[in-house]
C-alpha atoms as a PDB file:
ATOM      1  CA  MET A   1       6.174 -10.799 -23.370  1.00  0.00           C
ATOM      2  CA  LEU A   2       5.635 -12.316 -19.926  1.00  0.00           C
ATOM      3  CA  ARG A   3       8.644 -13.244 -17.756  1.00  0.00           C
ATOM      4  CA  ILE A   4       8.004 -14.691 -14.302  1.00  0.00           C
ATOM      5  CA  SER A   5      10.947 -15.818 -12.191  1.00  0.00           C
ATOM      6  CA  PRO A   6      10.693 -19.464 -11.162  1.00  0.00           C
ATOM      7  CA  ASP A   7      11.199 -18.230  -7.572  1.00  0.00           C
ATOM      8  CA  ALA A   8       8.135 -15.946  -7.711  1.00  0.00           C
ATOM      9  CA  GLN A   9       4.853 -17.057  -6.196  1.00  0.00           C
ATOM     10  CA  VAL A  10       1.880 -16.076  -8.326  1.00  0.00           C
ATOM     11  CA  SER A  11      -1.571 -17.088  -7.124  1.00  0.00           C
ATOM     12  CA  PRO A  12      -3.550 -19.127  -9.643  1.00  0.00           C
ATOM     13  CA  LEU A  13      -6.324 -16.591  -8.991  1.00  0.00           C
ATOM     14  CA  ALA A  14      -4.187 -13.654 -10.174  1.00  0.00           C
ATOM     15  CA  ASP A  15      -4.940 -12.374 -13.692  1.00  0.00           C
ATOM     16  CA  ILE A  16      -1.772 -11.420 -15.553  1.00  0.00           C
ATOM     17  CA  GLU A  17      -2.542 -10.714 -19.188  1.00  0.00           C
ATOM     18  CA  ASP A  18       0.205 -11.155 -21.731  1.00  0.00           C
ATOM     19  CA  SER A  19       0.620  -8.201 -24.070  1.00  0.00           C
ATOM     20  CA  VAL A  20      -0.552  -8.509 -27.662  1.00  0.00           C
ATOM     21  CA  ARG A  21       1.995  -5.798 -28.641  1.00  0.00           C
ATOM     22  CA  GLY A  22       5.043  -7.376 -27.037  1.00  0.00           C
ATOM     23  CA  THR A  23       5.144  -5.158 -23.958  1.00  0.00           C
ATOM     24  CA  LEU A  24       7.404  -6.695 -21.288  1.00  0.00           C
ATOM     25  CA  ILE A  25       5.815  -7.797 -18.023  1.00  0.00           C
ATOM     26  CA  GLU A  26       8.493  -9.087 -15.654  1.00  0.00           C
ATOM     27  CA  ILE A  27       8.079 -10.448 -12.132  1.00  0.00           C
ATOM     28  CA  GLY A  28      11.319 -10.863 -10.189  1.00  0.00           C
ATOM     29  CA  ALA A  29      12.599 -13.602  -7.907  1.00  0.00           C
ATOM     30  CA  GLY A  30      10.947 -13.942  -4.531  1.00  0.00           C
ATOM     31  CA  CYS A  31       7.917 -11.832  -5.511  1.00  0.00           C
ATOM     32  CA  ARG A  32       4.483 -12.752  -4.275  1.00  0.00           C
ATOM     33  CA  ILE A  33       1.466 -11.868  -6.376  1.00  0.00           C
ATOM     34  CA  ASP A  34      -1.717 -12.504  -4.389  1.00  0.00           C
ATOM     35  CA  SER A  35      -5.110 -13.675  -5.589  1.00  0.00           C
ATOM     36  CA  PHE A  36      -7.262 -11.230  -7.539  1.00  0.00           C
ATOM     37  CA  VAL A  37      -4.326  -9.058  -8.611  1.00  0.00           C
ATOM     38  CA  LYS A  38      -4.894  -7.795 -12.167  1.00  0.00           C
ATOM     39  CA  VAL A  39      -1.976  -6.888 -14.440  1.00  0.00           C
ATOM     40  CA  LYS A  40      -3.199  -5.399 -17.709  1.00  0.00           C
ATOM     41  CA  PRO A  41      -1.147  -4.138 -20.649  1.00  0.00           C
ATOM     42  CA  VAL A  42      -3.228  -1.213 -21.942  1.00  0.00           C
ATOM     43  CA  GLY A  43      -3.029   2.464 -22.872  1.00  0.00           C
ATOM     44  CA  GLY A  44       0.541   2.618 -24.120  1.00  0.00           C
ATOM     45  CA  GLY A  45       3.674   0.648 -24.780  1.00  0.00           C
ATOM     46  CA  GLY A  46       5.184   0.845 -21.306  1.00  0.00           C
ATOM     47  CA  GLU A  47       6.677  -2.123 -19.513  1.00  0.00           C
ATOM     48  CA  ILE A  48       5.769  -3.474 -16.092  1.00  0.00           C
ATOM     49  CA  VAL A  49       8.860  -4.583 -14.184  1.00  0.00           C
ATOM     50  CA  ILE A  50       8.635  -5.786 -10.583  1.00  0.00           C
ATOM     51  CA  GLY A  51      11.911  -6.236  -8.673  1.00  0.00           C
ATOM     52  CA  THR A  52      12.838  -8.988  -6.257  1.00  0.00           C
ATOM     53  CA  ASN A  53      11.005  -9.839  -3.037  1.00  0.00           C
ATOM     54  CA  SER A  54       8.111  -7.465  -3.649  1.00  0.00           C
ATOM     55  CA  TYR A  55       4.567  -8.286  -2.527  1.00  0.00           C
ATOM     56  CA  ILE A  56       1.446  -7.253  -4.436  1.00  0.00           C
ATOM     57  CA  ASN A  57      -1.650  -7.839  -2.335  1.00  0.00           C
ATOM     58  CA  SER A  58      -5.151  -8.919  -3.292  1.00  0.00           C
ATOM     59  CA  GLY A  59      -7.317  -6.687  -5.464  1.00  0.00           C
ATOM     60  CA  THR A  60      -4.502  -4.503  -6.782  1.00  0.00           C
ATOM     61  CA  VAL A  61      -4.693  -3.457 -10.451  1.00  0.00           C
ATOM     62  CA  ILE A  62      -1.577  -2.520 -12.437  1.00  0.00           C
ATOM     63  CA  TYR A  63      -1.953  -1.059 -15.949  1.00  0.00           C
ATOM     64  CA  SER A  64       1.058  -0.872 -18.262  1.00  0.00           C
ATOM     65  CA  GLY A  65       0.241   2.515 -19.832  1.00  0.00           C
ATOM     66  CA  ASN A  66       3.441   4.540 -19.964  1.00  0.00           C
ATOM     67  CA  GLY A  67       5.325   2.038 -17.830  1.00  0.00           C
ATOM     68  CA  VAL A  68       5.549   0.864 -14.229  1.00  0.00           C
ATOM     69  CA  ARG A  69       8.836   0.052 -12.486  1.00  0.00           C
ATOM     70  CA  ILE A  70       8.552  -1.397  -9.000  1.00  0.00           C
ATOM     71  CA  GLY A  71      11.785  -1.881  -7.076  1.00  0.00           C
ATOM     72  CA  SER A  72      12.796  -4.633  -4.677  1.00  0.00           C
ATOM     73  CA  ASN A  73      11.254  -5.253  -1.254  1.00  0.00           C
ATOM     74  CA  VAL A  74       8.171  -3.180  -2.065  1.00  0.00           C
ATOM     75  CA  LEU A  75       4.891  -3.840  -0.262  1.00  0.00           C
ATOM     76  CA  ILE A  76       1.656  -2.917  -2.046  1.00  0.00           C
ATOM     77  CA  ALA A  77      -1.420  -3.457   0.126  1.00  0.00           C
ATOM     78  CA  ALA A  78      -4.866  -4.567  -0.996  1.00  0.00           C
ATOM     79  CA  ASN A  79      -6.995  -2.799  -3.586  1.00  0.00           C
ATOM     80  CA  CYS A  80      -4.426  -0.332  -4.914  1.00  0.00           C
ATOM     81  CA  THR A  81      -4.426   0.980  -8.485  1.00  0.00           C
ATOM     82  CA  LEU A  82      -1.331   1.870 -10.486  1.00  0.00           C
ATOM     83  CA  ALA A  83      -2.475   3.816 -13.549  1.00  0.00           C
ATOM     84  CA  PRO A  84       0.379   5.313 -15.592  1.00  0.00           C
ATOM     85  CA  VAL A  85      -1.920   6.678 -18.295  1.00  0.00           C
ATOM     86  CA  ASN A  86      -4.499   9.442 -18.720  1.00  0.00           C
ATOM     87  CA  HIS A  87      -7.422   9.608 -21.125  1.00  0.00           C
ATOM     88  CA  GLU A  88      -7.649  12.637 -23.372  1.00  0.00           C
ATOM     89  CA  PHE A  89     -10.887  14.597 -22.931  1.00  0.00           C
ATOM     90  CA  ARG A  90     -10.393  18.164 -24.174  1.00  0.00           C
ATOM     91  CA  ASP A  91     -12.106  17.874 -27.589  1.00  0.00           C
ATOM     92  CA  ARG A  92     -15.783  18.571 -26.885  1.00  0.00           C
ATOM     93  CA  ASN A  93     -16.721  17.488 -30.404  1.00  0.00           C
ATOM     94  CA  ARG A  94     -15.592  13.887 -29.885  1.00  0.00           C
ATOM     95  CA  PRO A  95     -16.545  11.312 -27.263  1.00  0.00           C
ATOM     96  CA  ILE A  96     -13.789  10.740 -24.701  1.00  0.00           C
ATOM     97  CA  VAL A  97     -13.460   7.109 -25.734  1.00  0.00           C
ATOM     98  CA  GLU A  98     -12.442   8.236 -29.249  1.00  0.00           C
ATOM     99  CA  GLN A  99      -9.810  10.707 -28.046  1.00  0.00           C
ATOM    100  CA  ARG A 100      -7.376   8.021 -26.901  1.00  0.00           C
ATOM    101  CA  PHE A 101      -4.678   9.023 -24.389  1.00  0.00           C
ATOM    102  CA  MET A 102      -2.749  12.110 -23.283  1.00  0.00           C
ATOM    103  CA  PRO A 103       1.031  12.274 -23.701  1.00  0.00           C
ATOM    104  CA  SER A 104       3.058  10.422 -21.080  1.00  0.00           C
ATOM    105  CA  ARG A 105       3.981  12.064 -17.800  1.00  0.00           C
ATOM    106  CA  GLY A 106       6.789   9.529 -17.422  1.00  0.00           C
ATOM    107  CA  GLY A 107       5.014   6.436 -16.146  1.00  0.00           C
ATOM    108  CA  ILE A 108       5.347   5.281 -12.534  1.00  0.00           C
ATOM    109  CA  LEU A 109       8.613   4.661 -10.682  1.00  0.00           C
ATOM    110  CA  ILE A 110       8.560   2.998  -7.257  1.00  0.00           C
ATOM    111  CA  GLU A 111      12.039   2.600  -5.798  1.00  0.00           C
ATOM    112  CA  ASP A 112      13.157  -0.076  -3.295  1.00  0.00           C
ATOM    113  CA  ASP A 113      11.743  -0.567   0.222  1.00  0.00           C
ATOM    114  CA  VAL A 114       8.458   1.318  -0.326  1.00  0.00           C
ATOM    115  CA  TRP A 115       5.166   0.541   1.423  1.00  0.00           C
ATOM    116  CA  ILE A 116       1.895   1.555  -0.245  1.00  0.00           C
ATOM    117  CA  GLY A 117      -1.196   1.352   1.988  1.00  0.00           C
ATOM    118  CA  CYS A 118      -4.506  -0.151   0.900  1.00  0.00           C
ATOM    119  CA  ASN A 119      -6.847   1.648  -1.495  1.00  0.00           C
ATOM    120  CA  SER A 120      -4.109   3.997  -2.713  1.00  0.00           C
ATOM    121  CA  VAL A 121      -3.965   5.246  -6.290  1.00  0.00           C
ATOM    122  CA  ILE A 122      -0.617   5.895  -7.987  1.00  0.00           C
ATOM    123  CA  LEU A 123      -0.902   7.958 -11.181  1.00  0.00           C
ATOM    124  CA  ASP A 124       1.184   8.679 -14.279  1.00  0.00           C
ATOM    125  CA  GLY A 125       4.256  10.718 -13.394  1.00  0.00           C
ATOM    126  CA  ALA A 126       4.471   9.458  -9.803  1.00  0.00           C
ATOM    127  CA  ILE A 127       7.915   8.790  -8.365  1.00  0.00           C
ATOM    128  CA  LEU A 128       8.089   7.120  -4.966  1.00  0.00           C
ATOM    129  CA  ARG A 129      11.661   7.335  -3.721  1.00  0.00           C
ATOM    130  CA  ARG A 130      13.384   4.705  -1.614  1.00  0.00           C
ATOM    131  CA  GLY A 131      11.867   3.924   1.770  1.00  0.00           C
ATOM    132  CA  CYS A 132       8.794   6.133   1.518  1.00  0.00           C
ATOM    133  CA  VAL A 133       5.429   5.143   2.962  1.00  0.00           C
ATOM    134  CA  VAL A 134       2.089   5.950   1.324  1.00  0.00           C
ATOM    135  CA  ALA A 135      -0.791   5.969   3.807  1.00  0.00           C
ATOM    136  CA  ALA A 136      -3.982   4.063   3.046  1.00  0.00           C
ATOM    137  CA  GLY A 137      -6.343   5.884   0.695  1.00  0.00           C
ATOM    138  CA  SER A 138      -3.729   8.233  -0.736  1.00  0.00           C
ATOM    139  CA  VAL A 139      -3.547   9.542  -4.293  1.00  0.00           C
ATOM    140  CA  VAL A 140      -0.002  10.088  -5.554  1.00  0.00           C
ATOM    141  CA  ARG A 141       0.699  11.931  -8.810  1.00  0.00           C
ATOM    142  CA  GLY A 142       4.044  13.597  -8.144  1.00  0.00           C
ATOM    143  CA  GLU A 143       7.352  12.798  -6.479  1.00  0.00           C
ATOM    144  CA  LEU A 144       7.661  11.643  -2.874  1.00  0.00           C
ATOM    145  CA  PRO A 145      11.138  12.074  -1.363  1.00  0.00           C
ATOM    146  CA  ALA A 146      13.097   9.180   0.120  1.00  0.00           C
ATOM    147  CA  TYR A 147      11.936   8.069   3.577  1.00  0.00           C
ATOM    148  CA  ALA A 148       8.905  10.337   3.545  1.00  0.00           C
ATOM    149  CA  VAL A 149       5.361   9.568   4.635  1.00  0.00           C
ATOM    150  CA  CYS A 150       2.496  10.603   2.376  1.00  0.00           C
ATOM    151  CA  ALA A 151      -0.670  10.881   4.433  1.00  0.00           C
ATOM    152  CA  GLY A 152      -3.616  11.119   2.055  1.00  0.00           C
ATOM    153  CA  ASN A 153      -2.315  14.068   0.087  1.00  0.00           C
ATOM    154  CA  PRO A 154       1.102  14.443  -1.557  1.00  0.00           C
ATOM    155  CA  ALA A 155       1.361  17.896   0.031  1.00  0.00           C
ATOM    156  CA  VAL A 156       1.335  16.299   3.493  1.00  0.00           C
ATOM    157  CA  VAL A 157       4.764  14.685   3.453  1.00  0.00           C
ATOM    158  CA  GLN A 158       7.282  14.304   6.257  1.00  0.00           C
ATOM    159  CA  ASP A 159      10.610  12.552   6.703  1.00  0.00           C
ATOM    160  CA  TYR A 160      10.238   9.727   9.199  1.00  0.00           C
ATOM    161  CA  ARG A 161      13.710   8.128   9.270  1.00  0.00           C
ATOM    162  CA  LYS A 162      16.077  10.883  10.441  1.00  0.00           C
END
């Protein structure tokens, strides 16, 4: 089910696929979804919910997987990937494509007032707390504390708003 606020601005060049299984995809008021953003319900039954006044920049891909919740006033720069799902691969007797998906690590939660730099990858189980900043090219798979900066590696985190 696709719900887009009438106050949201979605580029006609964005590709938001409606779910064939009824998964909710919701885009809040004041959001801007740029050209060449791809929203794809795949790999699980999770919802994609984007809060108010958030901006998703060109080339970003968001999979539904185990669910993605994006808060309000979030900035996601160009060419980011949000992938809340993991392929299973441990059975050597079966091709990976036949093994389907691993159990959920909780999906992705991005709280309010977060900035994600370009070319970042946010993985299943990631929690980005309020006000944190993810530097360009980072890979996030765990929890980032509120008002922290993640510089390329989740282990390199510092509080920047004391």
